[in-house]
C-alpha cells in the first residue's frame, strides 16, 4: 500500500506543477501571436491607455517575446 501512496503523491506534485505552468502562461504579458504580429504601435497605445508608461513594461514585453524565440 505504501507503494501506491508514493505514486499518488508524485502524481499530485506533477499535477500542481502543470497547473502552475498553465496559470503562468495565461498571465503572460504578451502572447506568442502578439509577438509574431509585432503591431508595436498598437501594443504601446493599448498599454498607455491602461496606465503602463515605463520602460519596465517594454522590458517585460521583450522578455515575453524572447521566451517564444521572437525579438521585438
Protein backbone atom coordinates (compact mmCIF):
# COMPACT_ATOMS: atom_id res chain seq x y z
CA UNK A 1 0.00 0.00 0.00
CA UNK A 2 2.90 2.35 0.73
CA UNK A 3 3.99 2.00 -2.91
CA UNK A 4 0.64 3.38 -4.14
CA UNK A 5 0.76 6.41 -1.87
CA UNK A 6 4.16 7.40 -3.29
CA UNK A 7 2.77 7.22 -6.81
CA UNK A 8 -0.24 9.27 -5.78
CA UNK A 9 2.00 11.89 -4.15
CA UNK A 10 4.14 12.06 -7.31
CA UNK A 11 1.04 12.42 -9.46
CA UNK A 12 -0.34 15.21 -7.27
CA UNK A 13 3.00 17.05 -7.36
CA UNK A 14 3.15 16.77 -11.15
CA UNK A 15 -0.45 17.98 -11.48
CA UNK A 16 0.33 21.03 -9.32
CA UNK A 17 3.36 21.87 -11.45
CA UNK A 18 1.33 21.59 -14.66
CA UNK A 19 -1.47 23.75 -13.28
CA UNK A 20 1.04 26.37 -12.16
CA UNK A 21 2.71 26.35 -15.59
CA UNK A 22 -0.65 26.84 -17.32
CA UNK A 23 -1.53 29.66 -14.92
CA UNK A 24 1.80 31.42 -15.51
CA UNK A 25 1.43 31.10 -19.27
CA UNK A 26 -2.07 32.54 -19.11
CA UNK A 27 -0.79 35.53 -17.15
CA UNK A 28 1.97 36.30 -19.62
CA UNK A 29 2.48 39.95 -20.51
CA UNK A 30 2.24 39.14 -24.21
CA UNK A 31 1.29 36.02 -26.09
CA UNK A 32 3.10 34.38 -28.99
CA UNK A 33 0.58 35.60 -31.56
CA UNK A 34 1.07 39.23 -30.46
CA UNK A 35 4.84 38.81 -30.70
CA UNK A 36 4.56 37.36 -34.20
CA UNK A 37 2.19 40.10 -35.38
CA UNK A 38 4.53 42.75 -34.00
CA UNK A 39 1.97 45.57 -34.01
CA UNK A 40 4.13 47.52 -31.57
CA UNK A 41 2.31 50.80 -32.16
CA UNK A 42 -1.00 49.26 -31.10
CA UNK A 43 0.57 47.38 -28.18
CA UNK A 44 2.20 50.59 -26.93
CA UNK A 45 -1.01 52.57 -27.39
CA UNK A 46 -3.11 49.95 -25.58
CA UNK A 47 -0.59 49.78 -22.73
CA UNK A 48 -0.66 53.57 -22.43
CA UNK A 49 -4.45 53.53 -22.17
CA UNK A 50 -4.16 51.02 -19.33
CA UNK A 51 -1.63 53.18 -17.50
CA UNK A 52 1.60 51.40 -18.43
CA UNK A 53 4.15 54.09 -19.31
CA UNK A 54 7.51 52.83 -18.07
CA UNK A 55 10.46 51.22 -19.81
CA UNK A 56 9.93 48.30 -17.44
CA UNK A 57 6.85 47.39 -19.50
CA UNK A 58 8.93 47.35 -22.69
CA UNK A 59 11.42 45.07 -20.94
CA UNK A 60 8.59 42.74 -19.86
CA UNK A 61 7.29 42.57 -23.45
CA UNK A 62 10.76 41.97 -24.83
CA UNK A 63 11.38 39.17 -22.31
CA UNK A 64 7.95 37.71 -23.04
CA UNK A 65 8.65 37.55 -26.77
CA UNK A 66 12.13 36.15 -26.24
CA UNK A 67 10.52 33.25 -24.37
CA UNK A 68 8.93 32.36 -27.73
CA UNK A 69 12.23 32.91 -29.57
CA UNK A 70 11.00 36.21 -31.06
CA UNK A 71 12.85 39.53 -30.81
CA UNK A 72 10.58 42.59 -30.94
